[in-house]
Amino acid sequence: MTDDHHGHEHGASTNRFDGLSATWDDDPAKVERAEVVARAIRDAVPLDPSVRLLEYGAGTGLVTQALRDAVGPVTLVDTSAGMREVVEHKITTGAITDARVWGVDLATESAPDEDFDLVVTVMVLHHVADEETVLSRFADLLVDGGHVCIVDLEHEDGSFHGADFDGHHGFDRAALASALERVGFTDVTFQHCHDMVRDGVTYPLFLATGVKRAVDLP
């Protein structure tokens, strides 16, 4: 059984996603989910052509594609070389414009010294062992007042991935909100975003949003 999500953080997953990348967009459910998520993000945070977007764990870029007409320059980040290759092809063919691709792994690498107005990550965070470090690096990448949008699983019983999975079984909203606040986000809100069905079981997804808190200078 394959995972149905965009991102991943550890080597074995990266290799597996390299193999899945070429046919990733052939699954209508993945395309539909990206469109639903993008609509939720459009409704949740202010977007305009000046917004610099970074999508972390972007996979083949489906969510960014669905947001492309509402934002400015986009940066797509993924640890899978196969996924990045698909995105590069989309950029070359004009399917994603004004875009660049990074292979940065924020679980193990510091955030590049660049500024963004919006960071989006979809079905990635539950694969990150130390999610607070990655959330802190999201904050590092955002300008004061910038927004983070996280789509992920509500806390579940472990059946989504099965017994061999070593990540998080979704997230408790209060615990994730506390983590976001600790690393510098304010105005954290949650809403139901989408439902995924796997083996007859429905797994709800939330959209969490937060605003990068301005640091008062002495």
C-alpha atoms as a PDB file:
ATOM      1  CA  MET A   1       0.000   0.000   0.000  1.00  0.00           C
ATOM      2  CA  THR A   2       1.471   3.337  -1.019  1.00  0.00           C
ATOM      3  CA  ASP A   3       1.180   6.566   0.887  1.00  0.00           C
ATOM      4  CA  ASP A   4      -1.149   9.111  -0.669  1.00  0.00           C
ATOM      5  CA  HIS A   5       0.546  12.405   0.059  1.00  0.00           C
ATOM      6  CA  HIS A   6       3.034  14.893  -1.292  1.00  0.00           C
ATOM      7  CA  GLY A   7       6.104  14.871   0.860  1.00  0.00           C
ATOM      8  CA  HIS A   8       8.614  12.823   2.772  1.00  0.00           C
ATOM      9  CA  GLU A   9      11.711  13.342   4.836  1.00  0.00           C
ATOM     10  CA  HIS A  10      13.832  10.212   5.064  1.00  0.00           C
ATOM     11  CA  GLY A  11      15.973   8.355   2.559  1.00  0.00           C
ATOM     12  CA  ALA A  12      13.859   5.258   1.997  1.00  0.00           C
ATOM     13  CA  SER A  13      10.805   7.380   1.317  1.00  0.00           C
ATOM     14  CA  THR A  14      12.733   9.557  -1.082  1.00  0.00           C
ATOM     15  CA  ASN A  15      13.754   6.549  -3.144  1.00  0.00           C
ATOM     16  CA  ARG A  16      10.217   5.191  -3.157  1.00  0.00           C
ATOM     17  CA  PHE A  17       8.797   8.526  -4.266  1.00  0.00           C
ATOM     18  CA  ASP A  18      11.348   8.755  -7.039  1.00  0.00           C
ATOM     19  CA  GLY A  19       9.673   5.677  -8.504  1.00  0.00           C
ATOM     20  CA  LEU A  20       6.149   7.042  -8.031  1.00  0.00           C
ATOM     21  CA  SER A  21       6.798  10.490  -9.442  1.00  0.00           C
ATOM     22  CA  ALA A  22       6.256   9.798 -13.152  1.00  0.00           C
ATOM     23  CA  THR A  23       2.664   8.632 -12.674  1.00  0.00           C
ATOM     24  CA  TRP A  24       1.759  10.670  -9.582  1.00  0.00           C
ATOM     25  CA  ASP A  25      -0.525  13.080 -11.440  1.00  0.00           C
ATOM     26  CA  ASP A  26      -2.400  10.213 -13.129  1.00  0.00           C
ATOM     27  CA  ASP A  27      -4.429   9.634  -9.951  1.00  0.00           C
ATOM     28  CA  PRO A  28      -7.589  11.803 -10.096  1.00  0.00           C
ATOM     29  CA  ALA A  29      -7.882  11.706  -6.292  1.00  0.00           C
ATOM     30  CA  LYS A  30      -4.509  13.433  -5.903  1.00  0.00           C
ATOM     31  CA  VAL A  31      -5.459  16.129  -8.407  1.00  0.00           C
ATOM     32  CA  GLU A  32      -8.834  16.639  -6.747  1.00  0.00           C
ATOM     33  CA  ARG A  33      -7.276  16.893  -3.290  1.00  0.00           C
ATOM     34  CA  ALA A  34      -4.797  19.503  -4.497  1.00  0.00           C
ATOM     35  CA  GLU A  35      -7.631  21.591  -5.930  1.00  0.00           C
ATOM     36  CA  VAL A  36      -9.701  21.299  -2.727  1.00  0.00           C
ATOM     37  CA  VAL A  37      -6.689  22.247  -0.601  1.00  0.00           C
ATOM     38  CA  ALA A  38      -5.897  25.214  -2.833  1.00  0.00           C
ATOM     39  CA  ARG A  39      -9.457  26.500  -2.556  1.00  0.00           C
ATOM     40  CA  ALA A  40      -9.275  26.252   1.230  1.00  0.00           C
ATOM     41  CA  ILE A  41      -5.979  28.168   1.258  1.00  0.00           C
ATOM     42  CA  ARG A  42      -7.428  30.855  -1.012  1.00  0.00           C
ATOM     43  CA  ASP A  43     -10.286  31.316   1.457  1.00  0.00           C
ATOM     44  CA  ALA A  44      -8.059  31.266   4.546  1.00  0.00           C
ATOM     45  CA  VAL A  45      -5.217  33.685   3.761  1.00  0.00           C
ATOM     46  CA  PRO A  46      -4.855  36.847   1.656  1.00  0.00           C
ATOM     47  CA  LEU A  47      -3.320  36.169  -1.754  1.00  0.00           C
ATOM     48  CA  ASP A  48      -2.249  38.528  -4.511  1.00  0.00           C
ATOM     49  CA  PRO A  49       0.404  38.675  -7.263  1.00  0.00           C
ATOM     50  CA  SER A  50       2.998  40.044  -4.821  1.00  0.00           C
ATOM     51  CA  VAL A  51       2.879  36.953  -2.578  1.00  0.00           C
ATOM     52  CA  ARG A  52       6.074  34.896  -2.715  1.00  0.00           C
ATOM     53  CA  LEU A  53       5.074  31.266  -2.158  1.00  0.00           C
ATOM     54  CA  LEU A  54       7.199  28.357  -0.963  1.00  0.00           C
ATOM     55  CA  GLU A  55       5.606  24.892  -0.997  1.00  0.00           C
ATOM     56  CA  TYR A  56       7.491  22.414   1.164  1.00  0.00           C
ATOM     57  CA  GLY A  57       7.254  18.753   0.178  1.00  0.00           C
ATOM     58  CA  ALA A  58       5.678  19.914  -3.054  1.00  0.00           C
ATOM     59  CA  GLY A  59       5.807  16.565  -4.846  1.00  0.00           C
ATOM     60  CA  THR A  60       4.850  17.205  -8.466  1.00  0.00           C
ATOM     61  CA  GLY A  61       3.607  20.699  -7.653  1.00  0.00           C
ATOM     62  CA  LEU A  62      -0.129  20.062  -7.872  1.00  0.00           C
ATOM     63  CA  VAL A  63      -1.057  22.415  -5.029  1.00  0.00           C
ATOM     64  CA  THR A  64       1.182  25.185  -6.352  1.00  0.00           C
ATOM     65  CA  GLN A  65      -0.345  24.709  -9.797  1.00  0.00           C
ATOM     66  CA  ALA A  66      -3.802  25.153  -8.317  1.00  0.00           C
ATOM     67  CA  LEU A  67      -2.677  28.365  -6.578  1.00  0.00           C
ATOM     68  CA  ARG A  68      -0.532  29.671  -9.428  1.00  0.00           C
ATOM     69  CA  ASP A  69      -2.911  32.360 -10.717  1.00  0.00           C
ATOM     70  CA  ALA A  70      -3.365  33.851  -7.224  1.00  0.00           C
ATOM     71  CA  VAL A  71       0.270  34.365  -6.153  1.00  0.00           C
ATOM     72  CA  GLY A  72       3.589  35.742  -7.342  1.00  0.00           C
ATOM     73  CA  PRO A  73       6.872  33.832  -7.784  1.00  0.00           C
ATOM     74  CA  VAL A  74       6.850  30.263  -6.472  1.00  0.00           C
ATOM     75  CA  THR A  75       9.533  27.997  -5.015  1.00  0.00           C
ATOM     76  CA  LEU A  76       8.846  24.266  -4.847  1.00  0.00           C
ATOM     77  CA  VAL A  77      10.861  22.190  -2.386  1.00  0.00           C
ATOM     78  CA  ASP A  78      11.097  18.399  -2.281  1.00  0.00           C
ATOM     79  CA  THR A  79      13.698  15.875  -1.168  1.00  0.00           C
ATOM     80  CA  SER A  80      12.813  13.436  -3.967  1.00  0.00           C
ATOM     81  CA  ALA A  81      14.902  13.885  -7.108  1.00  0.00           C
ATOM     82  CA  GLY A  82      12.151  12.186  -9.105  1.00  0.00           C
ATOM     83  CA  MET A  83       9.529  14.640  -7.910  1.00  0.00           C
ATOM     84  CA  ARG A  84      11.817  17.579  -8.600  1.00  0.00           C
ATOM     85  CA  GLU A  85      12.401  16.271 -12.121  1.00  0.00           C
ATOM     86  CA  VAL A  86       8.649  16.278 -12.785  1.00  0.00           C
ATOM     87  CA  VAL A  87       8.379  19.842 -11.499  1.00  0.00           C
ATOM     88  CA  GLU A  88      11.348  20.949 -13.626  1.00  0.00           C
ATOM     89  CA  HIS A  89       9.576  19.501 -16.670  1.00  0.00           C
ATOM     90  CA  LYS A  90       6.419  21.430 -15.779  1.00  0.00           C
ATOM     91  CA  ILE A  91       8.453  24.616 -15.522  1.00  0.00           C
ATOM     92  CA  THR A  92      10.169  23.943 -18.864  1.00  0.00           C
ATOM     93  CA  THR A  93       6.835  23.323 -20.608  1.00  0.00           C
ATOM     94  CA  GLY A  94       5.163  26.348 -19.031  1.00  0.00           C
ATOM     95  CA  ALA A  95       2.734  24.394 -16.841  1.00  0.00           C
ATOM     96  CA  ILE A  96       4.197  26.225 -13.804  1.00  0.00           C
ATOM     97  CA  THR A  97       5.530  29.709 -14.518  1.00  0.00           C
ATOM     98  CA  ASP A  98       7.925  31.993 -12.618  1.00  0.00           C
ATOM     99  CA  ALA A  99       9.085  29.045 -10.536  1.00  0.00           C
ATOM    100  CA  ARG A 100      12.214  27.414  -9.175  1.00  0.00           C
ATOM    101  CA  VAL A 101      12.944  24.094  -7.449  1.00  0.00           C
ATOM    102  CA  TRP A 102      14.960  23.378  -4.307  1.00  0.00           C
ATOM    103  CA  GLY A 103      16.104  20.068  -2.826  1.00  0.00           C
ATOM    104  CA  VAL A 104      16.451  21.433   0.716  1.00  0.00           C
ATOM    105  CA  ASP A 105      15.515  19.145   3.644  1.00  0.00           C
ATOM    106  CA  LEU A 106      14.471  21.460   6.474  1.00  0.00           C
ATOM    107  CA  ALA A 107      14.527  18.555   8.927  1.00  0.00           C
ATOM    108  CA  THR A 108      18.316  18.468   8.659  1.00  0.00           C
ATOM    109  CA  GLU A 109      19.316  21.758   6.975  1.00  0.00           C
ATOM    110  CA  SER A 110      18.951  25.384   7.978  1.00  0.00           C
ATOM    111  CA  ALA A 111      16.530  27.522   6.031  1.00  0.00           C
ATOM    112  CA  PRO A 112      18.105  29.411   3.124  1.00  0.00           C
ATOM    113  CA  ASP A 113      18.508  33.146   3.687  1.00  0.00           C
ATOM    114  CA  GLU A 114      15.515  34.197   1.633  1.00  0.00           C
ATOM    115  CA  ASP A 115      12.129  35.769   2.361  1.00  0.00           C
ATOM    116  CA  PHE A 116       8.666  34.452   1.574  1.00  0.00           C
ATOM    117  CA  ASP A 117       5.161  35.657   2.301  1.00  0.00           C
ATOM    118  CA  LEU A 118       3.487  32.232   2.373  1.00  0.00           C
ATOM    119  CA  VAL A 119       4.719  28.729   3.211  1.00  0.00           C
ATOM    120  CA  VAL A 120       2.432  25.823   2.314  1.00  0.00           C
ATOM    121  CA  THR A 121       2.927  22.156   3.182  1.00  0.00           C
ATOM    122  CA  VAL A 122       0.435  19.380   2.465  1.00  0.00           C
ATOM    123  CA  MET A 123       0.539  15.889   4.011  1.00  0.00           C
ATOM    124  CA  VAL A 124       4.222  16.253   4.847  1.00  0.00           C
ATOM    125  CA  LEU A 125       4.540  17.159   8.503  1.00  0.00           C
ATOM    126  CA  HIS A 126       3.412  13.788   9.872  1.00  0.00           C
ATOM    127  CA  HIS A 127       6.516  12.282   8.255  1.00  0.00           C
ATOM    128  CA  VAL A 128       8.853  14.640  10.127  1.00  0.00           C
ATOM    129  CA  ALA A 129      10.171  13.237  13.403  1.00  0.00           C
ATOM    130  CA  ASP A 130      11.082  16.631  14.855  1.00  0.00           C
ATOM    131  CA  GLU A 131       8.275  18.715  13.452  1.00  0.00           C
ATOM    132  CA  GLU A 132       9.026  21.714  15.676  1.00  0.00           C
ATOM    133  CA  THR A 133      12.424  22.193  14.026  1.00  0.00           C
ATOM    134  CA  VAL A 134      10.777  22.289  10.589  1.00  0.00           C
ATOM    135  CA  LEU A 135       8.082  24.675  11.838  1.00  0.00           C
ATOM    136  CA  SER A 136      10.823  26.932  13.230  1.00  0.00           C
ATOM    137  CA  ARG A 137      12.527  26.950   9.823  1.00  0.00           C
ATOM    138  CA  PHE A 138       9.217  27.859   8.197  1.00  0.00           C
ATOM    139  CA  ALA A 139       9.168  30.865  10.526  1.00  0.00           C
ATOM    140  CA  ASP A 140      12.743  31.701   9.527  1.00  0.00           C
ATOM    141  CA  LEU A 141      11.703  31.775   5.869  1.00  0.00           C
ATOM    142  CA  LEU A 142       8.703  34.055   6.395  1.00  0.00           C
ATOM    143  CA  VAL A 143       8.612  37.822   6.625  1.00  0.00           C
ATOM    144  CA  ASP A 144       6.876  39.335   9.640  1.00  0.00           C
ATOM    145  CA  GLY A 145       3.157  38.998   9.005  1.00  0.00           C
ATOM    146  CA  GLY A 146       3.672  36.165   6.520  1.00  0.00           C
ATOM    147  CA  HIS A 147       1.424  33.117   6.645  1.00  0.00           C
ATOM    148  CA  VAL A 148       1.956  29.389   7.063  1.00  0.00           C
ATOM    149  CA  CYS A 149      -0.636  26.895   5.806  1.00  0.00           C
ATOM    150  CA  ILE A 150      -0.343  23.286   6.961  1.00  0.00           C
ATOM    151  CA  VAL A 151      -2.638  20.551   5.685  1.00  0.00           C
ATOM    152  CA  ASP A 152      -2.319  17.226   7.469  1.00  0.00           C
ATOM    153  CA  LEU A 153      -4.106  14.373   9.195  1.00  0.00           C
ATOM    154  CA  GLU A 154      -6.197  14.773  12.290  1.00  0.00           C
ATOM    155  CA  HIS A 155      -4.896  12.476  15.035  1.00  0.00           C
ATOM    156  CA  GLU A 156      -5.681   8.862  14.045  1.00  0.00           C
ATOM    157  CA  ASP A 157      -5.136   5.352  15.398  1.00  0.00           C
ATOM    158  CA  GLY A 158      -2.156   4.476  13.212  1.00  0.00           C
ATOM    159  CA  SER A 159      -4.156   2.623  10.590  1.00  0.00           C
ATOM    160  CA  PHE A 160      -3.504   5.258   7.899  1.00  0.00           C
ATOM    161  CA  HIS A 161       0.074   4.095   7.361  1.00  0.00           C
ATOM    162  CA  GLY A 162       0.143   0.783   9.202  1.00  0.00           C
ATOM    163  CA  ALA A 163       2.387  -0.819  11.779  1.00  0.00           C
ATOM    164  CA  ASP A 164       5.761  -0.109  10.143  1.00  0.00           C
ATOM    165  CA  PHE A 165       5.305   3.674   9.990  1.00  0.00           C
ATOM    166  CA  ASP A 166       7.684   5.651  12.212  1.00  0.00           C
ATOM    167  CA  GLY A 167       6.139   9.108  11.847  1.00  0.00           C
ATOM    168  CA  HIS A 168       3.204  10.802  13.552  1.00  0.00           C
ATOM    169  CA  HIS A 169      -0.297   9.318  13.535  1.00  0.00           C
ATOM    170  CA  GLY A 170      -1.732  12.659  12.582  1.00  0.00           C
ATOM    171  CA  PHE A 171      -1.793  15.599  14.983  1.00  0.00           C
ATOM    172  CA  ASP A 172      -3.735  16.799  17.955  1.00  0.00           C
ATOM    173  CA  ARG A 173      -4.813  20.331  17.082  1.00  0.00           C
ATOM    174  CA  ALA A 174      -3.988  21.857  20.465  1.00  0.00           C
ATOM    175  CA  ALA A 175      -0.509  20.323  20.540  1.00  0.00           C
ATOM    176  CA  LEU A 176       0.298  21.519  17.018  1.00  0.00           C
ATOM    177  CA  ALA A 177      -1.051  24.988  17.799  1.00  0.00           C
ATOM    178  CA  SER A 178       1.249  25.149  20.837  1.00  0.00           C
ATOM    179  CA  ALA A 179       4.234  24.115  18.717  1.00  0.00           C
ATOM    180  CA  LEU A 180       3.448  26.796  16.141  1.00  0.00           C
ATOM    181  CA  GLU A 181       3.149  29.434  18.851  1.00  0.00           C
ATOM    182  CA  ARG A 182       6.445  28.382  20.435  1.00  0.00           C
ATOM    183  CA  VAL A 183       8.385  28.921  17.203  1.00  0.00           C
ATOM    184  CA  GLY A 184       6.939  32.350  16.467  1.00  0.00           C
ATOM    185  CA  PHE A 185       3.447  32.087  14.989  1.00  0.00           C
ATOM    186  CA  THR A 186       0.329  33.810  16.227  1.00  0.00           C
ATOM    187  CA  ASP A 187      -3.372  33.808  15.256  1.00  0.00           C
ATOM    188  CA  VAL A 188      -3.243  30.025  14.765  1.00  0.00           C
ATOM    189  CA  THR A 189      -6.531  28.629  13.472  1.00  0.00           C
ATOM    190  CA  PHE A 190      -7.738  25.221  12.305  1.00  0.00           C
ATOM    191  CA  GLN A 191     -10.509  24.120  10.001  1.00  0.00           C
ATOM    192  CA  HIS A 192     -11.605  20.897   8.358  1.00  0.00           C
ATOM    193  CA  CYS A 193     -10.155  20.810   4.860  1.00  0.00           C
ATOM    194  CA  HIS A 194     -10.772  17.465   3.150  1.00  0.00           C
ATOM    195  CA  ASP A 195     -11.494  13.787   3.741  1.00  0.00           C
ATOM    196  CA  MET A 196      -9.268  10.996   2.473  1.00  0.00           C
ATOM    197  CA  VAL A 197     -10.677   7.482   2.179  1.00  0.00           C
ATOM    198  CA  ARG A 198      -8.341   4.511   2.464  1.00  0.00           C
ATOM    199  CA  ASP A 199      -9.515   0.893   2.664  1.00  0.00           C
ATOM    200  CA  GLY A 200     -13.014   2.099   3.427  1.00  0.00           C
ATOM    201  CA  VAL A 201     -11.900   4.314   6.331  1.00  0.00           C
ATOM    202  CA  THR A 202     -12.306   8.092   6.229  1.00  0.00           C
ATOM    203  CA  TYR A 203      -9.414  10.197   7.489  1.00  0.00           C
ATOM    204  CA  PRO A 204     -10.170  13.909   7.908  1.00  0.00           C
ATOM    205  CA  LEU A 205      -7.554  16.513   7.046  1.00  0.00           C
ATOM    206  CA  PHE A 206      -7.226  19.908   8.704  1.00  0.00           C
ATOM    207  CA  LEU A 207      -5.896  23.191   7.410  1.00  0.00           C
ATOM    208  CA  ALA A 208      -3.904  25.026  10.073  1.00  0.00           C
ATOM    209  CA  THR A 209      -2.911  28.632   9.446  1.00  0.00           C
ATOM    210  CA  GLY A 210      -0.668  30.970  11.402  1.00  0.00           C
ATOM    211  CA  VAL A 211       0.900  34.408  11.091  1.00  0.00           C
ATOM    212  CA  LYS A 212       4.629  35.036  11.590  1.00  0.00           C
ATOM    213  CA  ARG A 213       4.873  37.164  14.705  1.00  0.00           C
ATOM    214  CA  ALA A 214       6.910  40.339  14.433  1.00  0.00           C
ATOM    215  CA  VAL A 215       9.862  40.491  16.827  1.00  0.00           C
ATOM    216  CA  ASP A 216      10.100  43.769  18.731  1.00  0.00           C
ATOM    217  CA  LEU A 217      13.591  45.194  18.366  1.00  0.00           C
ATOM    218  CA  PRO A 218      15.225  46.592  21.533  1.00  0.00           C
END
